[in-house]
N, C-alpha and C. Protein backbone atom coordinates (compact mmCIF):
# COMPACT_ATOMS: atom_id res chain seq x y z
N UNK A 1 151.32 55.77 93.19
CA UNK A 1 151.90 55.10 94.35
C UNK A 1 152.52 53.77 93.96
N UNK A 2 151.81 53.01 93.09
CA UNK A 2 152.34 51.72 92.68
C UNK A 2 153.62 51.87 91.88
N UNK A 3 153.67 52.92 91.00
CA UNK A 3 154.89 53.16 90.25
C UNK A 3 156.05 53.46 91.20
N UNK A 4 155.77 54.26 92.25
CA UNK A 4 156.82 54.55 93.21
C UNK A 4 157.26 53.29 93.93
N UNK A 5 156.33 52.39 94.20
CA UNK A 5 156.68 51.14 94.87
C UNK A 5 157.57 50.29 93.99
N UNK A 6 157.27 50.24 92.68
CA UNK A 6 158.10 49.45 91.78
C UNK A 6 159.48 50.07 91.64
N UNK A 7 159.53 51.40 91.58
CA UNK A 7 160.83 52.07 91.56
C UNK A 7 161.59 51.78 92.84
N UNK A 8 160.84 51.71 93.96
CA UNK A 8 161.48 51.40 95.23
C UNK A 8 162.10 50.03 95.24
N UNK A 9 161.47 49.06 94.55
CA UNK A 9 162.03 47.72 94.48
C UNK A 9 163.38 47.73 93.79
N UNK A 10 163.46 48.43 92.65
CA UNK A 10 164.75 48.52 91.95
C UNK A 10 165.77 49.28 92.78
N UNK A 11 165.33 50.34 93.44
CA UNK A 11 166.24 51.12 94.26
C UNK A 11 166.76 50.29 95.43
N UNK A 12 165.88 49.48 96.02
CA UNK A 12 166.31 48.64 97.15
C UNK A 12 167.38 47.66 96.70
N UNK A 13 167.23 47.09 95.51
CA UNK A 13 168.24 46.16 95.00
C UNK A 13 169.57 46.87 94.79
N UNK A 14 169.53 48.08 94.26
CA UNK A 14 170.77 48.84 94.06
C UNK A 14 171.42 49.18 95.40
N UNK A 15 170.60 49.52 96.38
CA UNK A 15 171.14 49.85 97.70
C UNK A 15 171.81 48.63 98.32
N UNK A 16 171.16 47.47 98.17
CA UNK A 16 171.76 46.25 98.71
C UNK A 16 173.13 45.99 98.09
N UNK A 17 173.20 46.09 96.77
CA UNK A 17 174.47 45.82 96.08
C UNK A 17 175.53 46.82 96.50
N UNK A 18 175.15 48.09 96.57
CA UNK A 18 176.15 49.11 96.94
C UNK A 18 176.64 48.93 98.37
N UNK A 19 175.73 48.61 99.28
CA UNK A 19 176.13 48.44 100.68
C UNK A 19 177.02 47.20 100.85
N UNK A 20 176.71 46.13 100.10
CA UNK A 20 177.54 44.93 100.20
C UNK A 20 178.96 45.20 99.71
N UNK A 21 179.07 46.10 98.72
CA UNK A 21 180.40 46.41 98.18
C UNK A 21 181.17 47.38 99.08
N UNK A 22 180.49 48.38 99.62
CA UNK A 22 181.18 49.48 100.30
C UNK A 22 181.17 49.38 101.82
N UNK A 23 180.20 48.65 102.37
CA UNK A 23 180.05 48.65 103.82
C UNK A 23 180.59 47.35 104.41
N UNK A 24 181.51 47.49 105.31
CA UNK A 24 182.08 46.34 106.01
C UNK A 24 181.42 46.23 107.38
N UNK A 25 180.52 45.27 107.53
CA UNK A 25 179.80 45.12 108.79
C UNK A 25 180.59 44.24 109.76
N UNK A 26 180.48 44.53 111.04
CA UNK A 26 181.14 43.66 112.03
C UNK A 26 180.52 42.27 112.03
N UNK A 27 181.23 41.35 112.60
CA UNK A 27 180.74 39.97 112.67
C UNK A 27 179.43 39.92 113.45
N UNK A 28 178.44 39.19 112.90
CA UNK A 28 177.15 39.06 113.56
C UNK A 28 176.11 40.05 113.10
N UNK A 29 176.49 41.01 112.23
CA UNK A 29 175.55 42.01 111.73
C UNK A 29 175.21 41.69 110.27
N UNK A 30 174.00 42.06 109.86
CA UNK A 30 173.57 41.83 108.48
C UNK A 30 172.59 42.92 108.07
N UNK A 31 172.39 43.04 106.76
CA UNK A 31 171.47 44.02 106.20
C UNK A 31 170.17 43.36 105.79
N UNK A 32 169.06 44.06 106.00
CA UNK A 32 167.75 43.54 105.61
C UNK A 32 166.85 44.71 105.23
N UNK A 33 166.20 44.60 104.07
CA UNK A 33 165.26 45.62 103.61
C UNK A 33 163.85 45.10 103.83
N UNK A 34 163.05 45.82 104.58
CA UNK A 34 161.70 45.37 104.91
C UNK A 34 160.64 46.32 104.39
N UNK A 35 159.47 46.22 104.97
CA UNK A 35 158.37 47.09 104.57
C UNK A 35 157.69 46.64 103.29
N UNK A 36 157.22 47.59 102.50
CA UNK A 36 156.48 47.28 101.28
C UNK A 36 157.35 46.58 100.24
N UNK A 37 158.63 46.93 100.22
CA UNK A 37 159.52 46.27 99.26
C UNK A 37 159.59 44.77 99.55
N UNK A 38 159.71 44.41 100.79
CA UNK A 38 159.77 43.00 101.16
C UNK A 38 158.45 42.29 100.83
N UNK A 39 157.32 42.97 101.09
CA UNK A 39 156.02 42.38 100.79
C UNK A 39 155.86 42.14 99.28
N UNK A 40 156.31 43.10 98.49
CA UNK A 40 156.21 42.93 97.04
C UNK A 40 157.07 41.78 96.54
N UNK A 41 158.26 41.64 97.09
CA UNK A 41 159.12 40.55 96.66
C UNK A 41 158.50 39.20 97.02
N UNK A 42 157.90 39.09 98.20
CA UNK A 42 157.25 37.83 98.59
C UNK A 42 156.06 37.54 97.68
N UNK A 43 155.28 38.59 97.37
CA UNK A 43 154.13 38.39 96.50
C UNK A 43 154.56 37.96 95.10
N UNK A 44 155.64 38.56 94.58
CA UNK A 44 156.13 38.18 93.25
C UNK A 44 156.60 36.73 93.23
N UNK A 45 157.27 36.30 94.29
CA UNK A 45 157.72 34.90 94.35
C UNK A 45 156.52 33.95 94.40
N UNK A 46 155.50 34.32 95.16
CA UNK A 46 154.31 33.47 95.27
C UNK A 46 153.60 33.35 93.93
N UNK A 47 153.48 34.48 93.21
CA UNK A 47 152.81 34.43 91.91
C UNK A 47 153.63 33.64 90.90
N UNK A 48 154.96 33.75 90.97
CA UNK A 48 155.82 32.97 90.07
C UNK A 48 155.62 31.47 90.29
N UNK A 49 155.55 31.06 91.56
CA UNK A 49 155.29 29.65 91.86
C UNK A 49 153.91 29.24 91.35
N UNK A 50 152.93 30.13 91.49
CA UNK A 50 151.58 29.83 91.01
C UNK A 50 151.56 29.67 89.49
N UNK A 51 152.33 30.48 88.78
CA UNK A 51 152.40 30.36 87.32
C UNK A 51 153.01 29.02 86.92
N UNK A 52 154.11 28.65 87.58
CA UNK A 52 154.73 27.36 87.27
C UNK A 52 153.78 26.20 87.55
N UNK A 53 153.06 26.26 88.66
CA UNK A 53 152.12 25.20 89.00
C UNK A 53 150.96 25.15 88.00
N UNK A 54 150.48 26.31 87.58
CA UNK A 54 149.38 26.34 86.62
C UNK A 54 149.81 25.80 85.27
N UNK A 55 151.04 26.10 84.84
CA UNK A 55 151.53 25.56 83.57
C UNK A 55 151.63 24.05 83.61
N UNK A 56 152.12 23.52 84.72
CA UNK A 56 152.20 22.07 84.85
C UNK A 56 150.81 21.44 84.84
N UNK A 57 149.87 22.06 85.55
CA UNK A 57 148.50 21.54 85.58
C UNK A 57 147.86 21.59 84.20
N UNK A 58 148.11 22.68 83.46
CA UNK A 58 147.56 22.79 82.11
C UNK A 58 148.13 21.71 81.20
N UNK A 59 149.43 21.45 81.31
CA UNK A 59 150.04 20.41 80.49
C UNK A 59 149.43 19.04 80.80
N UNK A 60 149.22 18.74 82.09
CA UNK A 60 148.62 17.45 82.46
C UNK A 60 147.20 17.35 81.91
N UNK A 61 146.42 18.42 82.02
CA UNK A 61 145.05 18.39 81.52
C UNK A 61 145.01 18.25 80.00
N UNK A 62 145.94 18.91 79.31
CA UNK A 62 145.99 18.77 77.86
C UNK A 62 146.33 17.33 77.48
N UNK A 63 147.24 16.74 78.19
CA UNK A 63 147.60 15.35 77.88
C UNK A 63 146.43 14.41 78.14
N UNK A 64 145.71 14.65 79.23
CA UNK A 64 144.55 13.80 79.52
C UNK A 64 143.45 13.99 78.48
N UNK A 65 143.31 15.22 77.98
CA UNK A 65 142.25 15.48 77.01
C UNK A 65 142.61 14.97 75.62
N UNK A 66 143.89 15.05 75.25
CA UNK A 66 144.31 14.69 73.90
C UNK A 66 144.94 13.31 73.82
N UNK A 67 145.52 12.84 74.90
CA UNK A 67 146.20 11.55 74.88
C UNK A 67 147.48 11.55 74.08
N UNK A 68 148.08 12.72 73.90
CA UNK A 68 149.30 12.83 73.08
C UNK A 68 150.21 13.87 73.70
N UNK A 69 151.42 13.45 74.02
CA UNK A 69 152.41 14.40 74.55
C UNK A 69 152.84 15.39 73.48
N UNK A 70 152.92 14.93 72.23
CA UNK A 70 153.36 15.81 71.15
C UNK A 70 152.36 16.94 70.93
N UNK A 71 151.09 16.61 70.88
CA UNK A 71 150.08 17.64 70.64
C UNK A 71 149.93 18.57 71.84
N UNK A 72 150.04 18.02 73.05
CA UNK A 72 149.99 18.86 74.24
C UNK A 72 151.17 19.83 74.26
N UNK A 73 152.36 19.36 73.90
CA UNK A 73 153.52 20.23 73.84
C UNK A 73 153.38 21.28 72.75
N UNK A 74 152.78 20.89 71.62
CA UNK A 74 152.59 21.85 70.53
C UNK A 74 151.66 22.97 70.94
N UNK A 75 150.58 22.65 71.64
CA UNK A 75 149.66 23.70 72.10
C UNK A 75 150.34 24.61 73.10
N UNK A 76 151.15 24.03 73.98
CA UNK A 76 151.86 24.85 74.97
C UNK A 76 152.94 25.72 74.34
N UNK A 77 153.33 25.43 73.09
CA UNK A 77 154.34 26.26 72.44
C UNK A 77 153.83 27.66 72.16
N UNK A 78 152.52 27.87 72.24
CA UNK A 78 151.98 29.23 72.09
C UNK A 78 152.31 30.10 73.29
N UNK A 79 152.61 29.47 74.43
CA UNK A 79 152.88 30.25 75.64
C UNK A 79 154.18 31.04 75.55
N UNK A 80 155.32 30.45 75.12
CA UNK A 80 156.53 31.29 74.95
C UNK A 80 156.34 32.42 73.96
N UNK A 81 155.55 32.17 72.90
CA UNK A 81 155.29 33.24 71.93
C UNK A 81 154.51 34.37 72.59
N UNK A 82 153.52 34.03 73.40
CA UNK A 82 152.77 35.04 74.12
C UNK A 82 153.67 35.78 75.12
N UNK A 83 154.59 35.05 75.74
CA UNK A 83 155.51 35.66 76.70
C UNK A 83 156.41 36.69 76.02
N UNK A 84 156.89 36.37 74.82
CA UNK A 84 157.72 37.32 74.07
C UNK A 84 156.93 38.59 73.75
N UNK A 85 155.68 38.43 73.32
CA UNK A 85 154.86 39.60 73.05
C UNK A 85 154.65 40.46 74.28
N UNK A 86 154.51 39.82 75.44
CA UNK A 86 154.34 40.57 76.69
C UNK A 86 155.60 41.37 77.03
N UNK A 87 156.77 40.76 76.85
CA UNK A 87 158.02 41.45 77.14
C UNK A 87 158.20 42.66 76.23
N UNK A 88 157.94 42.47 74.94
CA UNK A 88 158.07 43.58 73.99
C UNK A 88 157.11 44.71 74.35
N UNK A 89 155.87 44.36 74.71
CA UNK A 89 154.89 45.38 75.08
C UNK A 89 155.33 46.15 76.32
N UNK A 90 155.89 45.45 77.30
CA UNK A 90 156.38 46.13 78.51
C UNK A 90 157.53 47.06 78.19
N UNK A 91 158.44 46.62 77.31
CA UNK A 91 159.57 47.48 76.94
C UNK A 91 159.09 48.73 76.21
N UNK A 92 158.13 48.57 75.31
CA UNK A 92 157.61 49.73 74.57
C UNK A 92 156.91 50.71 75.51
N UNK A 93 156.17 50.17 76.47
CA UNK A 93 155.43 51.03 77.40
C UNK A 93 156.30 51.58 78.53
N UNK A 94 157.52 51.06 78.65
CA UNK A 94 158.39 51.54 79.72
C UNK A 94 158.02 50.99 81.09
N UNK A 95 157.31 49.86 81.13
CA UNK A 95 156.93 49.26 82.40
C UNK A 95 157.88 48.12 82.74
N UNK A 96 157.72 47.58 83.94
CA UNK A 96 158.58 46.49 84.40
C UNK A 96 157.72 45.36 84.94
N UNK A 97 158.37 44.22 85.19
CA UNK A 97 157.65 43.09 85.76
C UNK A 97 157.29 43.37 87.20
N UNK A 98 156.08 43.02 87.58
CA UNK A 98 155.62 43.16 88.95
C UNK A 98 154.48 42.16 89.18
N UNK A 99 153.85 42.23 90.31
CA UNK A 99 152.79 41.27 90.63
C UNK A 99 151.64 41.39 89.64
N UNK A 100 151.27 42.60 89.28
CA UNK A 100 150.15 42.80 88.35
C UNK A 100 150.43 42.18 86.98
N UNK A 101 151.63 42.40 86.44
CA UNK A 101 151.96 41.83 85.13
C UNK A 101 152.06 40.32 85.19
N UNK A 102 152.53 39.76 86.29
CA UNK A 102 152.59 38.31 86.43
C UNK A 102 151.19 37.70 86.48
N UNK A 103 150.26 38.37 87.14
CA UNK A 103 148.88 37.90 87.15
C UNK A 103 148.29 37.95 85.73
N UNK A 104 148.65 38.99 84.97
CA UNK A 104 148.19 39.07 83.59
C UNK A 104 148.67 37.91 82.75
N UNK A 105 149.86 37.39 83.06
CA UNK A 105 150.37 36.23 82.32
C UNK A 105 149.48 35.01 82.49
N UNK A 106 148.93 34.83 83.68
CA UNK A 106 148.09 33.66 83.92
C UNK A 106 146.85 33.70 83.03
N UNK A 107 146.18 34.86 82.98
CA UNK A 107 145.03 34.99 82.10
C UNK A 107 145.38 34.87 80.63
N UNK A 108 146.54 35.41 80.26
CA UNK A 108 146.99 35.34 78.87
C UNK A 108 147.27 33.90 78.46
N UNK A 109 147.94 33.14 79.31
CA UNK A 109 148.25 31.76 78.98
C UNK A 109 146.97 30.94 78.80
N UNK A 110 145.95 31.24 79.59
CA UNK A 110 144.70 30.51 79.45
C UNK A 110 144.05 30.72 78.10
N UNK A 111 144.04 31.96 77.61
CA UNK A 111 143.46 32.25 76.30
C UNK A 111 144.26 31.59 75.19
N UNK A 112 145.57 31.66 75.27
CA UNK A 112 146.42 31.07 74.23
C UNK A 112 146.24 29.56 74.16
N UNK A 113 146.20 28.90 75.30
CA UNK A 113 146.03 27.44 75.31
C UNK A 113 144.65 27.06 74.80
N UNK A 114 143.64 27.81 75.18
CA UNK A 114 142.28 27.48 74.74
C UNK A 114 142.16 27.55 73.22
N UNK A 115 142.71 28.59 72.62
CA UNK A 115 142.63 28.71 71.16
C UNK A 115 143.33 27.56 70.45
N UNK A 116 144.50 27.18 70.94
CA UNK A 116 145.21 26.07 70.33
C UNK A 116 144.48 24.75 70.51
N UNK A 117 143.89 24.55 71.68
CA UNK A 117 143.16 23.30 71.94
C UNK A 117 141.94 23.18 71.04
N UNK A 118 141.22 24.29 70.84
CA UNK A 118 140.04 24.25 69.97
C UNK A 118 140.43 23.89 68.54
N UNK A 119 141.55 24.43 68.07
CA UNK A 119 142.01 24.12 66.72
C UNK A 119 142.32 22.64 66.56
N UNK A 120 143.03 22.07 67.52
CA UNK A 120 143.40 20.66 67.45
C UNK A 120 142.15 19.77 67.52
N UNK A 121 141.24 20.09 68.42
CA UNK A 121 140.03 19.27 68.56
C UNK A 121 139.15 19.33 67.32
N UNK A 122 139.05 20.52 66.73
CA UNK A 122 138.25 20.64 65.51
C UNK A 122 138.90 19.88 64.36
N UNK A 123 140.22 19.92 64.27
CA UNK A 123 140.91 19.14 63.24
C UNK A 123 140.67 17.66 63.43
N UNK A 124 140.74 17.19 64.66
CA UNK A 124 140.47 15.77 64.92
C UNK A 124 139.03 15.41 64.53
N UNK A 125 138.09 16.30 64.81
CA UNK A 125 136.69 16.03 64.47
C UNK A 125 136.51 15.89 62.96
N UNK A 126 137.17 16.75 62.21
CA UNK A 126 137.07 16.66 60.75
C UNK A 126 137.74 15.40 60.22
N UNK A 127 138.84 15.01 60.85
CA UNK A 127 139.49 13.76 60.44
C UNK A 127 138.62 12.55 60.74
N UNK A 128 137.86 12.62 61.83
CA UNK A 128 136.96 11.52 62.16
C UNK A 128 135.85 11.37 61.12
N UNK A 129 135.55 12.46 60.40
CA UNK A 129 134.55 12.41 59.34
C UNK A 129 135.12 11.85 58.04
N UNK A 130 136.42 11.54 58.03
CA UNK A 130 137.03 10.93 56.86
C UNK A 130 137.90 11.85 56.04
N UNK A 131 138.11 13.07 56.47
CA UNK A 131 138.95 14.00 55.71
C UNK A 131 140.41 13.77 56.04
N UNK A 132 141.30 13.91 55.05
CA UNK A 132 142.74 13.73 55.32
C UNK A 132 143.26 14.84 56.22
N UNK A 133 144.40 14.57 56.85
CA UNK A 133 144.95 15.49 57.85
C UNK A 133 145.22 16.89 57.29
N UNK A 134 145.89 17.05 56.14
CA UNK A 134 146.12 18.43 55.64
C UNK A 134 144.83 19.19 55.38
N UNK A 135 143.85 18.52 54.76
CA UNK A 135 142.59 19.20 54.47
C UNK A 135 141.84 19.54 55.75
N UNK A 136 141.84 18.64 56.70
CA UNK A 136 141.16 18.90 57.97
C UNK A 136 141.80 20.06 58.72
N UNK A 137 143.13 20.12 58.71
CA UNK A 137 143.82 21.22 59.37
C UNK A 137 143.50 22.55 58.70
N UNK A 138 143.52 22.55 57.36
CA UNK A 138 143.23 23.78 56.63
C UNK A 138 141.79 24.26 56.90
N UNK A 139 140.85 23.35 56.86
CA UNK A 139 139.46 23.73 57.08
C UNK A 139 139.24 24.21 58.51
N UNK A 140 139.85 23.54 59.47
CA UNK A 140 139.70 23.96 60.87
C UNK A 140 140.33 25.32 61.13
N UNK A 141 141.50 25.55 60.53
CA UNK A 141 142.17 26.84 60.75
C UNK A 141 141.39 27.99 60.12
N UNK A 142 140.86 27.79 58.91
CA UNK A 142 140.06 28.84 58.28
C UNK A 142 138.76 29.07 59.04
N UNK A 143 138.18 27.98 59.55
CA UNK A 143 136.94 28.13 60.28
C UNK A 143 137.09 28.82 61.62
N UNK A 144 138.32 28.83 62.17
CA UNK A 144 138.56 29.45 63.47
C UNK A 144 139.14 30.85 63.38
N UNK A 145 139.30 31.39 62.18
CA UNK A 145 139.91 32.71 62.05
C UNK A 145 139.03 33.76 62.72
N UNK A 146 137.75 33.80 62.33
CA UNK A 146 136.88 34.83 62.89
C UNK A 146 136.71 34.70 64.40
N UNK A 147 136.43 33.50 64.96
CA UNK A 147 136.30 33.42 66.42
C UNK A 147 137.57 33.82 67.17
N UNK A 148 138.73 33.43 66.64
CA UNK A 148 139.98 33.79 67.32
C UNK A 148 140.22 35.29 67.29
N UNK A 149 139.99 35.89 66.12
CA UNK A 149 140.16 37.34 66.02
C UNK A 149 139.17 38.08 66.91
N UNK A 150 137.95 37.59 66.97
CA UNK A 150 136.95 38.24 67.82
C UNK A 150 137.32 38.10 69.29
N UNK A 151 137.84 36.93 69.68
CA UNK A 151 138.26 36.75 71.07
C UNK A 151 139.38 37.71 71.44
N UNK A 152 140.40 37.79 70.58
CA UNK A 152 141.52 38.68 70.86
C UNK A 152 141.09 40.14 70.82
N UNK A 153 140.29 40.52 69.82
CA UNK A 153 139.87 41.91 69.69
C UNK A 153 138.99 42.34 70.87
N UNK A 154 138.10 41.45 71.31
CA UNK A 154 137.24 41.79 72.44
C UNK A 154 138.06 42.03 73.70
N UNK A 155 139.04 41.17 73.94
CA UNK A 155 139.89 41.34 75.12
C UNK A 155 140.72 42.61 75.03
N UNK A 156 141.30 42.88 73.86
CA UNK A 156 142.14 44.07 73.70
C UNK A 156 141.32 45.35 73.82
N UNK A 157 140.15 45.38 73.17
CA UNK A 157 139.31 46.57 73.26
C UNK A 157 138.83 46.81 74.69
N UNK A 158 138.60 45.73 75.43
CA UNK A 158 138.22 45.89 76.83
C UNK A 158 139.34 46.46 77.69
N UNK A 159 140.59 46.23 77.27
CA UNK A 159 141.74 46.75 78.03
C UNK A 159 142.18 48.12 77.57
N UNK A 160 141.68 48.59 76.44
CA UNK A 160 142.13 49.86 75.89
C UNK A 160 141.95 51.05 76.85
N UNK A 161 140.81 51.16 77.57
CA UNK A 161 140.70 52.31 78.49
C UNK A 161 141.82 52.38 79.51
N UNK A 162 142.27 51.22 80.00
CA UNK A 162 143.38 51.22 80.95
C UNK A 162 144.69 51.60 80.27
N UNK A 163 144.84 51.19 79.00
CA UNK A 163 146.08 51.46 78.28
C UNK A 163 146.18 52.92 77.84
N UNK A 164 145.09 53.48 77.36
CA UNK A 164 145.13 54.80 76.75
C UNK A 164 144.93 55.93 77.75
N UNK A 165 144.10 55.70 78.74
CA UNK A 165 143.77 56.77 79.69
C UNK A 165 144.44 56.48 81.02
N UNK A 166 145.35 57.34 81.38
CA UNK A 166 146.06 57.18 82.66
C UNK A 166 145.20 57.77 83.78
N UNK A 167 144.11 57.07 84.07
CA UNK A 167 143.19 57.54 85.08
C UNK A 167 143.72 57.19 86.47
N UNK A 168 143.25 57.97 87.42
CA UNK A 168 143.70 57.75 88.79
C UNK A 168 143.15 56.42 89.30
N UNK A 169 144.03 55.60 89.84
CA UNK A 169 143.63 54.31 90.35
C UNK A 169 143.86 53.15 89.39
N UNK A 170 144.31 53.46 88.16
CA UNK A 170 144.57 52.39 87.20
C UNK A 170 146.04 52.01 87.12
N UNK A 171 146.86 52.57 88.00
CA UNK A 171 148.29 52.27 87.94
C UNK A 171 148.58 50.79 88.20
N UNK A 172 147.77 50.16 89.06
CA UNK A 172 148.02 48.76 89.38
C UNK A 172 147.59 47.83 88.24
N UNK A 173 146.53 48.21 87.52
CA UNK A 173 146.03 47.36 86.44
C UNK A 173 146.75 47.57 85.11
N UNK A 174 147.46 48.68 84.96
CA UNK A 174 148.08 48.99 83.67
C UNK A 174 149.10 47.93 83.24
N UNK A 175 150.04 47.47 84.08
CA UNK A 175 150.96 46.41 83.63
C UNK A 175 150.23 45.14 83.21
N UNK A 176 149.14 44.80 83.90
CA UNK A 176 148.37 43.62 83.52
C UNK A 176 147.79 43.79 82.11
N UNK A 177 147.24 44.98 81.83
CA UNK A 177 146.66 45.23 80.51
C UNK A 177 147.72 45.21 79.41
N UNK A 178 148.90 45.73 79.71
CA UNK A 178 149.98 45.76 78.72
C UNK A 178 150.43 44.34 78.39
N UNK A 179 150.61 43.53 79.43
CA UNK A 179 151.06 42.15 79.23
C UNK A 179 150.06 41.36 78.40
N UNK A 180 148.78 41.49 78.73
CA UNK A 180 147.76 40.73 78.01
C UNK A 180 147.62 41.20 76.57
N UNK A 181 147.71 42.51 76.33
CA UNK A 181 147.57 43.02 74.97
C UNK A 181 148.72 42.55 74.09
N UNK A 182 149.95 42.72 74.55
CA UNK A 182 151.10 42.28 73.75
C UNK A 182 151.11 40.79 73.52
N UNK A 183 150.78 40.01 74.55
CA UNK A 183 150.76 38.57 74.40
C UNK A 183 149.64 38.08 73.50
N UNK A 184 148.49 38.74 73.53
CA UNK A 184 147.38 38.35 72.66
C UNK A 184 147.72 38.56 71.20
N UNK A 185 148.43 39.63 70.90
CA UNK A 185 148.79 39.91 69.50
C UNK A 185 149.70 38.80 68.96
N UNK A 186 150.75 38.47 69.70
CA UNK A 186 151.70 37.47 69.19
C UNK A 186 151.13 36.05 69.24
N UNK A 187 150.41 35.71 70.31
CA UNK A 187 149.87 34.35 70.40
C UNK A 187 148.77 34.12 69.38
N UNK A 188 147.95 35.12 69.12
CA UNK A 188 146.91 34.96 68.11
C UNK A 188 147.52 34.79 66.72
N UNK A 189 148.54 35.56 66.41
CA UNK A 189 149.23 35.39 65.13
C UNK A 189 149.87 34.02 65.01
N UNK A 190 150.44 33.53 66.11
CA UNK A 190 151.05 32.20 66.09
C UNK A 190 150.01 31.12 65.84
N UNK A 191 148.88 31.21 66.53
CA UNK A 191 147.86 30.17 66.40
C UNK A 191 147.18 30.22 65.03
N UNK A 192 147.06 31.40 64.45
CA UNK A 192 146.41 31.52 63.14
C UNK A 192 147.34 31.14 61.99
N UNK A 193 148.62 31.43 62.12
CA UNK A 193 149.53 31.26 60.99
C UNK A 193 150.51 30.10 61.16
N UNK A 194 151.14 29.98 62.31
CA UNK A 194 152.21 29.00 62.50
C UNK A 194 151.66 27.64 62.92
N UNK A 195 150.76 27.63 63.88
CA UNK A 195 150.26 26.35 64.39
C UNK A 195 149.60 25.50 63.31
N UNK A 196 148.73 26.05 62.44
CA UNK A 196 148.16 25.20 61.38
C UNK A 196 149.20 24.67 60.39
N UNK A 197 150.31 25.40 60.25
CA UNK A 197 151.34 24.96 59.30
C UNK A 197 152.17 23.80 59.85
N UNK A 198 152.41 23.78 61.14
CA UNK A 198 153.28 22.74 61.71
C UNK A 198 152.48 21.59 62.34
N UNK A 199 151.18 21.80 62.57
CA UNK A 199 150.40 20.72 63.20
C UNK A 199 150.35 19.46 62.35
N UNK A 200 150.13 19.52 61.03
CA UNK A 200 150.12 18.27 60.24
C UNK A 200 151.42 17.48 60.37
N UNK A 201 152.54 18.19 60.44
CA UNK A 201 153.82 17.49 60.58
C UNK A 201 153.91 16.81 61.95
N UNK A 202 153.48 17.52 63.01
CA UNK A 202 153.51 16.93 64.34
C UNK A 202 152.57 15.73 64.42
N UNK A 203 151.33 15.93 63.96
CA UNK A 203 150.34 14.86 64.07
C UNK A 203 150.72 13.68 63.18
N UNK A 204 151.18 13.96 61.95
CA UNK A 204 151.57 12.88 61.06
C UNK A 204 152.75 12.09 61.57
N UNK A 205 153.72 12.79 62.16
CA UNK A 205 154.89 12.08 62.70
C UNK A 205 154.50 11.25 63.90
N UNK A 206 153.58 11.78 64.70
CA UNK A 206 153.13 11.01 65.86
C UNK A 206 152.40 9.75 65.44
N UNK A 207 151.59 9.84 64.36
CA UNK A 207 150.87 8.66 63.90
C UNK A 207 151.83 7.61 63.31
N UNK A 208 152.83 8.09 62.56
CA UNK A 208 153.79 7.15 61.99
C UNK A 208 154.57 6.43 63.09
N UNK A 209 154.89 7.15 64.17
CA UNK A 209 155.60 6.52 65.30
C UNK A 209 154.72 5.46 65.97
N UNK A 210 153.41 5.75 66.07
CA UNK A 210 152.50 4.76 66.67
C UNK A 210 152.40 3.54 65.75
N UNK A 211 152.38 3.77 64.43
CA UNK A 211 152.32 2.65 63.50
C UNK A 211 153.53 1.77 63.58
N UNK A 212 154.72 2.38 63.73
CA UNK A 212 155.93 1.61 63.84
C UNK A 212 155.94 0.76 65.12
N UNK A 213 155.46 1.35 66.22
CA UNK A 213 155.41 0.59 67.48
C UNK A 213 154.43 -0.57 67.37
N UNK A 214 153.29 -0.30 66.65
CA UNK A 214 152.31 -1.38 66.48
C UNK A 214 152.92 -2.51 65.65
């Protein structure tokens, strides 16, 4: 039923475009598509606004926790990477964006931000013990490999039944599982491989800028 509803959304958009091109309505008349299609469109807009608000709130909380716009922005850079993985996963599975997949993005962004924040905080802790920035970053990244992989693997394995078995009643949850699985793969790879490589440059440049201002 949910698949039919999503197909109906695309069909409704095509009908609107075709009618606007071919149908000449008298003055004072207009076209409107209602019912479940209208409800889905309103729900999708509401979830999109919620995602934007949550991203802004996460950025503010990261800045308050770290006291650095550069580091907060660096942690948030995992979110576009996770988004790309979600899009690729949806294309491979033949699914489309809907309310369920948008909700999956919110949970996915939370996991990606948490992993990046833990890495930065652990690096700072090692630096407070007197270790130089490159060594602290390397030690923190190696120390977080197993927990990050376990976090991603646990989430993916928990979603596998929805992905592999097309059971009755799982049509609504399937896009959510696809989005989270694809995003977890790319965001985990980014946090394990790319973030530790570029963090010393970000943190070192931020410190040099503070020194110059001082």
